[in-house]
């Protein structure tokens, strides 16, 4: 039995779409199963509504913090996804570079080195998709 969508879910989904883009969210939603559906609902409400929808800091700042944390923890797929999302958050390549320099000092050079490779590859893909090669 599926529960009714909450206001938090709706707010989170709107923010998720604004940050990650409709195409990404549509793919994720199409791939949801009965098993992982509750997890997807949780992150939509918790991450995208309770955290990303707050207005205490900007989406640009949240983007930089998120990328730094994901890089420090070695969550490579998530690093790439959030680097791609910078197209919607206002975080520049220079912002991401600065965040990753902090990762190098506070979380270790190997973590930052890996994340820098991922960011470079992702930015290259984004440039190719935009016809900026």
C-alpha atoms as a PDB file:
ATOM      1  CA  UNK A   1       0.000   0.000   0.000  1.00  0.00           C
ATOM      2  CA  UNK A   2       1.448   3.348  -1.066  1.00  0.00           C
ATOM      3  CA  UNK A   3       1.184   6.224   1.362  1.00  0.00           C
ATOM      4  CA  UNK A   4      -0.036   9.670   0.363  1.00  0.00           C
ATOM      5  CA  UNK A   5       2.624  12.157  -0.713  1.00  0.00           C
ATOM      6  CA  UNK A   6       3.475  14.765   1.905  1.00  0.00           C
ATOM      7  CA  UNK A   7       4.070  18.467   1.431  1.00  0.00           C
ATOM      8  CA  UNK A   8       7.725  17.745   2.240  1.00  0.00           C
ATOM      9  CA  UNK A   9       7.834  15.177  -0.562  1.00  0.00           C
ATOM     10  CA  UNK A  10       6.384  17.670  -3.053  1.00  0.00           C
ATOM     11  CA  UNK A  11       8.808  20.385  -1.936  1.00  0.00           C
ATOM     12  CA  UNK A  12      11.719  17.946  -2.096  1.00  0.00           C
ATOM     13  CA  UNK A  13      10.766  16.707  -5.544  1.00  0.00           C
ATOM     14  CA  UNK A  14      10.571  20.273  -6.871  1.00  0.00           C
ATOM     15  CA  UNK A  15      14.018  21.044  -5.434  1.00  0.00           C
ATOM     16  CA  UNK A  16      15.447  17.740  -6.668  1.00  0.00           C
ATOM     17  CA  UNK A  17      14.217  18.512 -10.191  1.00  0.00           C
ATOM     18  CA  UNK A  18      15.585  22.075 -10.030  1.00  0.00           C
ATOM     19  CA  UNK A  19      19.034  20.845  -8.974  1.00  0.00           C
ATOM     20  CA  UNK A  20      19.459  17.555 -10.850  1.00  0.00           C
ATOM     21  CA  UNK A  21      17.220  18.272 -13.830  1.00  0.00           C
ATOM     22  CA  UNK A  22      14.043  16.606 -15.031  1.00  0.00           C
ATOM     23  CA  UNK A  23      15.829  14.038 -17.206  1.00  0.00           C
ATOM     24  CA  UNK A  24      17.894  12.694 -14.287  1.00  0.00           C
ATOM     25  CA  UNK A  25      14.933  12.589 -11.900  1.00  0.00           C
ATOM     26  CA  UNK A  26      12.671  11.014 -14.532  1.00  0.00           C
ATOM     27  CA  UNK A  27      15.235   8.231 -15.085  1.00  0.00           C
ATOM     28  CA  UNK A  28      15.557   7.650 -11.340  1.00  0.00           C
ATOM     29  CA  UNK A  29      11.791   7.615 -10.853  1.00  0.00           C
ATOM     30  CA  UNK A  30      11.273   5.239 -13.790  1.00  0.00           C
ATOM     31  CA  UNK A  31      13.798   2.854 -12.254  1.00  0.00           C
ATOM     32  CA  UNK A  32      12.188   2.793  -8.804  1.00  0.00           C
ATOM     33  CA  UNK A  33      11.054  -0.574  -7.546  1.00  0.00           C
ATOM     34  CA  UNK A  34       8.908  -1.712  -4.666  1.00  0.00           C
ATOM     35  CA  UNK A  35      12.153  -2.495  -2.831  1.00  0.00           C
ATOM     36  CA  UNK A  36      13.884   0.877  -3.185  1.00  0.00           C
ATOM     37  CA  UNK A  37      10.826   3.135  -3.471  1.00  0.00           C
ATOM     38  CA  UNK A  38      10.741   3.898   0.262  1.00  0.00           C
ATOM     39  CA  UNK A  39      14.441   4.862   0.123  1.00  0.00           C
ATOM     40  CA  UNK A  40      13.810   7.188  -2.830  1.00  0.00           C
ATOM     41  CA  UNK A  41      10.933   8.789  -0.906  1.00  0.00           C
ATOM     42  CA  UNK A  42      13.191   9.205   2.135  1.00  0.00           C
ATOM     43  CA  UNK A  43      15.937  11.028   0.242  1.00  0.00           C
ATOM     44  CA  UNK A  44      13.384  13.171  -1.570  1.00  0.00           C
ATOM     45  CA  UNK A  45      11.937  14.318   1.749  1.00  0.00           C
ATOM     46  CA  UNK A  46      15.080  14.332   3.899  1.00  0.00           C
ATOM     47  CA  UNK A  47      17.835  15.484   1.553  1.00  0.00           C
ATOM     48  CA  UNK A  48      15.922  17.492  -1.012  1.00  0.00           C
ATOM     49  CA  UNK A  49      13.259  19.025   1.241  1.00  0.00           C
ATOM     50  CA  UNK A  50      14.669  19.169   4.771  1.00  0.00           C
ATOM     51  CA  UNK A  51      18.188  20.175   3.654  1.00  0.00           C
ATOM     52  CA  UNK A  52      18.400  21.418   0.047  1.00  0.00           C
ATOM     53  CA  UNK A  53      15.155  23.458   0.269  1.00  0.00           C
ATOM     54  CA  UNK A  54      16.354  25.525   3.228  1.00  0.00           C
ATOM     55  CA  UNK A  55      17.207  29.128   2.432  1.00  0.00           C
ATOM     56  CA  UNK A  56      19.866  29.724   5.111  1.00  0.00           C
ATOM     57  CA  UNK A  57      22.652  29.271   2.546  1.00  0.00           C
ATOM     58  CA  UNK A  58      22.539  29.399  -1.233  1.00  0.00           C
ATOM     59  CA  UNK A  59      22.265  26.443  -3.576  1.00  0.00           C
ATOM     60  CA  UNK A  60      25.733  27.381  -4.820  1.00  0.00           C
ATOM     61  CA  UNK A  61      27.119  27.022  -1.301  1.00  0.00           C
ATOM     62  CA  UNK A  62      25.220  23.760  -0.708  1.00  0.00           C
ATOM     63  CA  UNK A  63      26.610  22.439  -3.960  1.00  0.00           C
ATOM     64  CA  UNK A  64      30.188  23.206  -2.916  1.00  0.00           C
ATOM     65  CA  UNK A  65      29.694  21.651   0.529  1.00  0.00           C
ATOM     66  CA  UNK A  66      28.024  18.570  -0.917  1.00  0.00           C
ATOM     67  CA  UNK A  67      30.766  17.960  -3.480  1.00  0.00           C
ATOM     68  CA  UNK A  68      33.462  18.384  -0.823  1.00  0.00           C
ATOM     69  CA  UNK A  69      31.739  15.927   1.521  1.00  0.00           C
ATOM     70  CA  UNK A  70      31.109  13.361  -1.192  1.00  0.00           C
ATOM     71  CA  UNK A  71      34.717  13.658  -2.379  1.00  0.00           C
ATOM     72  CA  UNK A  72      36.057  13.261   1.152  1.00  0.00           C
ATOM     73  CA  UNK A  73      33.954  10.143   1.637  1.00  0.00           C
ATOM     74  CA  UNK A  74      34.884   8.647  -1.742  1.00  0.00           C
ATOM     75  CA  UNK A  75      31.352   8.582  -3.159  1.00  0.00           C
ATOM     76  CA  UNK A  76      32.489   8.878  -6.766  1.00  0.00           C
ATOM     77  CA  UNK A  77      29.150   8.425  -8.560  1.00  0.00           C
ATOM     78  CA  UNK A  78      27.572  11.054  -6.354  1.00  0.00           C
ATOM     79  CA  UNK A  79      30.510  13.429  -6.957  1.00  0.00           C
ATOM     80  CA  UNK A  80      29.915  13.199 -10.709  1.00  0.00           C
ATOM     81  CA  UNK A  81      26.155  13.682 -10.303  1.00  0.00           C
ATOM     82  CA  UNK A  82      26.625  16.789  -8.146  1.00  0.00           C
ATOM     83  CA  UNK A  83      29.338  18.229 -10.400  1.00  0.00           C
ATOM     84  CA  UNK A  84      26.843  17.897 -13.240  1.00  0.00           C
ATOM     85  CA  UNK A  85      24.224  19.625 -11.061  1.00  0.00           C
ATOM     86  CA  UNK A  86      26.412  22.730 -10.792  1.00  0.00           C
ATOM     87  CA  UNK A  87      24.852  23.779 -14.092  1.00  0.00           C
ATOM     88  CA  UNK A  88      21.721  24.430 -11.997  1.00  0.00           C
ATOM     89  CA  UNK A  89      23.170  25.544  -8.661  1.00  0.00           C
ATOM     90  CA  UNK A  90      25.389  28.412  -9.729  1.00  0.00           C
ATOM     91  CA  UNK A  91      28.575  26.798  -8.402  1.00  0.00           C
ATOM     92  CA  UNK A  92      31.363  27.545 -10.858  1.00  0.00           C
ATOM     93  CA  UNK A  93      34.290  25.384 -11.821  1.00  0.00           C
ATOM     94  CA  UNK A  94      36.450  27.686  -9.738  1.00  0.00           C
ATOM     95  CA  UNK A  95      34.122  27.110  -6.748  1.00  0.00           C
ATOM     96  CA  UNK A  96      34.463  23.355  -7.163  1.00  0.00           C
ATOM     97  CA  UNK A  97      38.239  23.632  -7.499  1.00  0.00           C
ATOM     98  CA  UNK A  98      38.384  25.595  -4.230  1.00  0.00           C
ATOM     99  CA  UNK A  99      36.160  23.062  -2.455  1.00  0.00           C
ATOM    100  CA  UNK A 100      38.398  20.228  -3.642  1.00  0.00           C
ATOM    101  CA  UNK A 101      41.511  22.056  -2.445  1.00  0.00           C
ATOM    102  CA  UNK A 102      39.903  22.004   1.015  1.00  0.00           C
ATOM    103  CA  UNK A 103      39.286  18.282   0.597  1.00  0.00           C
ATOM    104  CA  UNK A 104      42.982  17.784  -0.121  1.00  0.00           C
ATOM    105  CA  UNK A 105      44.008  19.479   3.118  1.00  0.00           C
ATOM    106  CA  UNK A 106      41.273  18.246   5.446  1.00  0.00           C
ATOM    107  CA  UNK A 107      40.424  14.799   4.021  1.00  0.00           C
ATOM    108  CA  UNK A 108      43.556  13.853   2.119  1.00  0.00           C
ATOM    109  CA  UNK A 109      45.256  14.306  -1.211  1.00  0.00           C
ATOM    110  CA  UNK A 110      44.136  10.915  -2.619  1.00  0.00           C
ATOM    111  CA  UNK A 111      40.459  11.776  -2.036  1.00  0.00           C
ATOM    112  CA  UNK A 112      40.864  15.173  -3.678  1.00  0.00           C
ATOM    113  CA  UNK A 113      42.927  13.748  -6.552  1.00  0.00           C
ATOM    114  CA  UNK A 114      40.224  11.185  -7.323  1.00  0.00           C
ATOM    115  CA  UNK A 115      37.474  13.821  -7.134  1.00  0.00           C
ATOM    116  CA  UNK A 116      39.422  16.229  -9.352  1.00  0.00           C
ATOM    117  CA  UNK A 117      39.731  13.505 -12.010  1.00  0.00           C
ATOM    118  CA  UNK A 118      35.977  12.875 -11.759  1.00  0.00           C
ATOM    119  CA  UNK A 119      35.169  16.598 -11.958  1.00  0.00           C
ATOM    120  CA  UNK A 120      37.444  17.096 -14.976  1.00  0.00           C
ATOM    121  CA  UNK A 121      35.850  14.152 -16.792  1.00  0.00           C
ATOM    122  CA  UNK A 122      32.357  15.358 -15.919  1.00  0.00           C
ATOM    123  CA  UNK A 123      33.079  18.929 -17.046  1.00  0.00           C
ATOM    124  CA  UNK A 124      34.491  17.568 -20.330  1.00  0.00           C
ATOM    125  CA  UNK A 125      31.315  15.527 -20.867  1.00  0.00           C
ATOM    126  CA  UNK A 126      29.180  18.577 -20.074  1.00  0.00           C
ATOM    127  CA  UNK A 127      31.171  20.700 -22.538  1.00  0.00           C
ATOM    128  CA  UNK A 128      30.802  18.056 -25.253  1.00  0.00           C
ATOM    129  CA  UNK A 129      27.045  17.794 -24.655  1.00  0.00           C
ATOM    130  CA  UNK A 130      26.766  21.592 -24.870  1.00  0.00           C
ATOM    131  CA  UNK A 131      28.844  21.698 -28.070  1.00  0.00           C
ATOM    132  CA  UNK A 132      31.767  23.453 -26.376  1.00  0.00           C
ATOM    133  CA  UNK A 133      34.553  21.117 -27.439  1.00  0.00           C
END
